[in-house]
Amino acid sequence: MPVDSDVDLRVARQRRELRRAPWSVLAMISLGGGVGGLARYGLGVWAPVEPGAFPWTTFGVNVSGCLLIGALMVLVTEVWGGHRLVRPFLGVGVLGGYTTFSFHMVEAQHLIEEAAVRTAALYLAGTAVAGLLAVAAGMAGTRWVIRRRAGVHPAGIGGRAELVQAVGRQGDA
């Protein structure tokens, strides 16, 4: 898998991008990861969780991160022409550093060790379901807002090209 997943290997000009050192992509991912990690740490300090209790802070971080990932993917793939570093910085870096599904598993393990098995099961299943629903909501909500801002009825645009054209018309006005 290439370092930059935005590179289409069928296009010669884009393949040449892989020969260059990926330092700018790695720097953006690192910078974004620091920003996202600090945000998550701040929320953990602001809203600590008692041992054996449902880990609401991590649950909220992961679900809100999923919502933002859904919104970001619509913006990056359907609206913004995008600089090649936007997705690595915001998606992999900021939101990758903000969400913490590894700590989610550690917290579930701690709940089981504290004999809070039902809470652990609810936490594991609830995070997965809420995360998937949040991604879908982020995507649908972002598309709805974009279409409303473009002055087009939300059901009136069929595909990406029409959405980009509608957003472009708004920017031209």
Foldseek 3Di string as FASTA:
>chain_A
DQPQPVQDPVDPVSVVVSVDDCVVLVVLQAVLLVQLQVVLVVLCVVDPDDQLDQGVSLLVQLLVLLLVLLQVVCCPPQADPDDSNPCSNNPNRNSVNNHDVPVLVVSLVSNVVVVVPVSSVCSVVVSVVSSVVSSVCSNLVNLCVLCVLLVHHSVRDDDSVSSNVSSVVSVVD
